[in-house]
Amino acid sequence: MDWNGEAAATFVVGAGGAWMVGAALTHRGGNFNPAQRRGLFLSGVGFLMCAASARWMQSYGRVGIACSLFGTMTAMMGMYVLMKDRNERRAAEESNPRK
């Protein structure tokens, strides 16, 4: 395996995606609520799809591009779930009269 910049970037994205999926499935990354676990899982799967399509599906043409774009959409859905949960918790903390 030739370690050029593209291979290193693919490794970093894939490792981050694997960590997210592992943390969501094993509950060992912290005390995540169900929405956070869902967001971590979706983001991790999306990052893994992007890394896999960048590494092994470049020669497939449109199929590789579609897989990469679908992975990006999945990762963004997971990020949206995480941001929505964070905003809901922040709004609940701000409306809490006991500060």
C-alpha atoms as a PDB file:
ATOM      1  CA  MET A   1       0.000   0.000   0.000  1.00  0.00           C
ATOM      2  CA  ASP A   2       1.446   3.316  -1.070  1.00  0.00           C
ATOM      3  CA  TRP A   3       1.068   5.951   1.681  1.00  0.00           C
ATOM      4  CA  ASN A   4       0.488   9.138  -0.276  1.00  0.00           C
ATOM      5  CA  GLY A   5      -1.634  12.040   0.916  1.00  0.00           C
ATOM      6  CA  GLU A   6      -4.852  10.543  -0.412  1.00  0.00           C
ATOM      7  CA  ALA A   7      -4.280   7.217   1.339  1.00  0.00           C
ATOM      8  CA  ALA A   8      -3.489   8.981   4.613  1.00  0.00           C
ATOM      9  CA  ALA A   9      -6.626  11.131   4.374  1.00  0.00           C
ATOM     10  CA  THR A  10      -8.737   8.066   3.592  1.00  0.00           C
ATOM     11  CA  PHE A  11      -7.245   6.290   6.617  1.00  0.00           C
ATOM     12  CA  VAL A  12      -8.035   9.230   8.923  1.00  0.00           C
ATOM     13  CA  VAL A  13     -11.630   9.523   7.669  1.00  0.00           C
ATOM     14  CA  GLY A  14     -12.149   5.757   7.904  1.00  0.00           C
ATOM     15  CA  ALA A  15     -10.653   5.549  11.388  1.00  0.00           C
ATOM     16  CA  GLY A  16     -12.848   8.406  12.586  1.00  0.00           C
ATOM     17  CA  GLY A  17     -15.902   6.738  11.096  1.00  0.00           C
ATOM     18  CA  ALA A  18     -15.007   3.427  12.707  1.00  0.00           C
ATOM     19  CA  TRP A  19     -14.593   5.144  16.089  1.00  0.00           C
ATOM     20  CA  MET A  20     -18.003   6.812  15.741  1.00  0.00           C
ATOM     21  CA  VAL A  21     -19.744   3.567  14.830  1.00  0.00           C
ATOM     22  CA  GLY A  22     -17.944   1.708  17.616  1.00  0.00           C
ATOM     23  CA  ALA A  23     -18.813   4.359  20.196  1.00  0.00           C
ATOM     24  CA  ALA A  24     -22.452   4.348  19.114  1.00  0.00           C
ATOM     25  CA  LEU A  25     -22.760   0.564  19.243  1.00  0.00           C
ATOM     26  CA  THR A  26     -20.752  -0.227  22.371  1.00  0.00           C
ATOM     27  CA  HIS A  27     -21.723   2.800  24.502  1.00  0.00           C
ATOM     28  CA  ARG A  28     -18.083   3.125  25.625  1.00  0.00           C
ATOM     29  CA  GLY A  29     -17.396   6.614  24.313  1.00  0.00           C
ATOM     30  CA  GLY A  30     -19.339   8.289  27.071  1.00  0.00           C
ATOM     31  CA  ASN A  31     -22.871   8.645  28.305  1.00  0.00           C
ATOM     32  CA  PHE A  32     -24.691   9.168  25.028  1.00  0.00           C
ATOM     33  CA  ASN A  33     -28.441   9.504  24.825  1.00  0.00           C
ATOM     34  CA  PRO A  34     -30.304   7.674  22.022  1.00  0.00           C
ATOM     35  CA  ALA A  35     -30.300  10.706  19.701  1.00  0.00           C
ATOM     36  CA  GLN A  36     -26.554  11.120  20.109  1.00  0.00           C
ATOM     37  CA  ARG A  37     -25.962   7.417  19.459  1.00  0.00           C
ATOM     38  CA  ARG A  38     -28.096   7.626  16.302  1.00  0.00           C
ATOM     39  CA  GLY A  39     -26.167  10.694  15.135  1.00  0.00           C
ATOM     40  CA  LEU A  40     -22.806   9.079  15.845  1.00  0.00           C
ATOM     41  CA  PHE A  41     -23.844   5.921  14.040  1.00  0.00           C
ATOM     42  CA  LEU A  42     -25.109   7.767  10.955  1.00  0.00           C
ATOM     43  CA  SER A  43     -22.035   9.993  10.795  1.00  0.00           C
ATOM     44  CA  GLY A  44     -19.694   7.056  11.266  1.00  0.00           C
ATOM     45  CA  VAL A  45     -21.375   4.993   8.561  1.00  0.00           C
ATOM     46  CA  GLY A  46     -21.256   7.972   6.211  1.00  0.00           C
ATOM     47  CA  PHE A  47     -17.560   8.557   6.839  1.00  0.00           C
ATOM     48  CA  LEU A  48     -16.826   4.865   6.324  1.00  0.00           C
ATOM     49  CA  MET A  49     -18.767   4.885   3.045  1.00  0.00           C
ATOM     50  CA  CYS A  50     -16.820   7.922   1.850  1.00  0.00           C
ATOM     51  CA  ALA A  51     -13.499   6.356   2.812  1.00  0.00           C
ATOM     52  CA  ALA A  52     -14.354   3.028   1.190  1.00  0.00           C
ATOM     53  CA  SER A  53     -15.541   4.610  -2.020  1.00  0.00           C
ATOM     54  CA  ALA A  54     -12.470   6.864  -2.187  1.00  0.00           C
ATOM     55  CA  ARG A  55     -10.146   3.931  -1.640  1.00  0.00           C
ATOM     56  CA  TRP A  56     -11.701   1.052  -3.556  1.00  0.00           C
ATOM     57  CA  MET A  57     -14.411   2.402  -5.859  1.00  0.00           C
ATOM     58  CA  GLN A  58     -12.591   5.050  -7.895  1.00  0.00           C
ATOM     59  CA  SER A  59     -12.419   2.829 -10.954  1.00  0.00           C
ATOM     60  CA  TYR A  60     -16.189   2.228 -10.936  1.00  0.00           C
ATOM     61  CA  GLY A  61     -16.983   5.699 -12.255  1.00  0.00           C
ATOM     62  CA  ARG A  62     -20.505   6.851 -11.484  1.00  0.00           C
ATOM     63  CA  VAL A  63     -21.133   4.092  -8.952  1.00  0.00           C
ATOM     64  CA  GLY A  64     -18.135   5.173  -6.869  1.00  0.00           C
ATOM     65  CA  ILE A  65     -19.182   8.806  -7.043  1.00  0.00           C
ATOM     66  CA  ALA A  66     -22.757   7.939  -6.077  1.00  0.00           C
ATOM     67  CA  CYS A  67     -21.531   5.853  -3.122  1.00  0.00           C
ATOM     68  CA  SER A  68     -19.308   8.717  -1.975  1.00  0.00           C
ATOM     69  CA  LEU A  69     -22.147  11.229  -2.268  1.00  0.00           C
ATOM     70  CA  PHE A  70     -24.538   8.906  -0.428  1.00  0.00           C
ATOM     71  CA  GLY A  71     -21.925   8.532   2.312  1.00  0.00           C
ATOM     72  CA  THR A  72     -21.594  12.303   2.521  1.00  0.00           C
ATOM     73  CA  MET A  73     -25.372  12.690   2.798  1.00  0.00           C
ATOM     74  CA  THR A  74     -25.493  10.026   5.515  1.00  0.00           C
ATOM     75  CA  ALA A  75     -22.695  11.706   7.467  1.00  0.00           C
ATOM     76  CA  MET A  76     -24.460  15.064   7.179  1.00  0.00           C
ATOM     77  CA  MET A  77     -27.720  13.508   8.407  1.00  0.00           C
ATOM     78  CA  GLY A  78     -25.854  12.237  11.447  1.00  0.00           C
ATOM     79  CA  MET A  79     -24.306  15.650  12.054  1.00  0.00           C
ATOM     80  CA  TYR A  80     -27.758  17.221  11.773  1.00  0.00           C
ATOM     81  CA  VAL A  81     -29.115  14.812  14.399  1.00  0.00           C
ATOM     82  CA  LEU A  82     -26.209  15.678  16.710  1.00  0.00           C
ATOM     83  CA  MET A  83     -26.616  19.440  16.222  1.00  0.00           C
ATOM     84  CA  LYS A  84     -30.382  19.257  16.707  1.00  0.00           C
ATOM     85  CA  ASP A  85     -29.926  17.360  19.978  1.00  0.00           C
ATOM     86  CA  ARG A  86     -27.309  19.849  21.140  1.00  0.00           C
ATOM     87  CA  ASN A  87     -29.548  22.813  20.333  1.00  0.00           C
ATOM     88  CA  GLU A  88     -32.475  21.221  22.167  1.00  0.00           C
ATOM     89  CA  ARG A  89     -30.345  20.595  25.259  1.00  0.00           C
ATOM     90  CA  ARG A  90     -28.933  24.136  25.122  1.00  0.00           C
ATOM     91  CA  ALA A  91     -32.441  25.625  24.837  1.00  0.00           C
ATOM     92  CA  ALA A  92     -33.592  23.533  27.794  1.00  0.00           C
ATOM     93  CA  GLU A  93     -30.629  24.730  29.870  1.00  0.00           C
ATOM     94  CA  GLU A  94     -31.271  28.371  28.965  1.00  0.00           C
ATOM     95  CA  SER A  95     -34.963  28.139  29.869  1.00  0.00           C
ATOM     96  CA  ASN A  96     -34.166  26.487  33.201  1.00  0.00           C
ATOM     97  CA  PRO A  97     -34.993  29.036  35.944  1.00  0.00           C
ATOM     98  CA  ARG A  98     -32.439  27.534  38.369  1.00  0.00           C
ATOM     99  CA  LYS A  99     -29.109  29.030  37.352  1.00  0.00           C
END
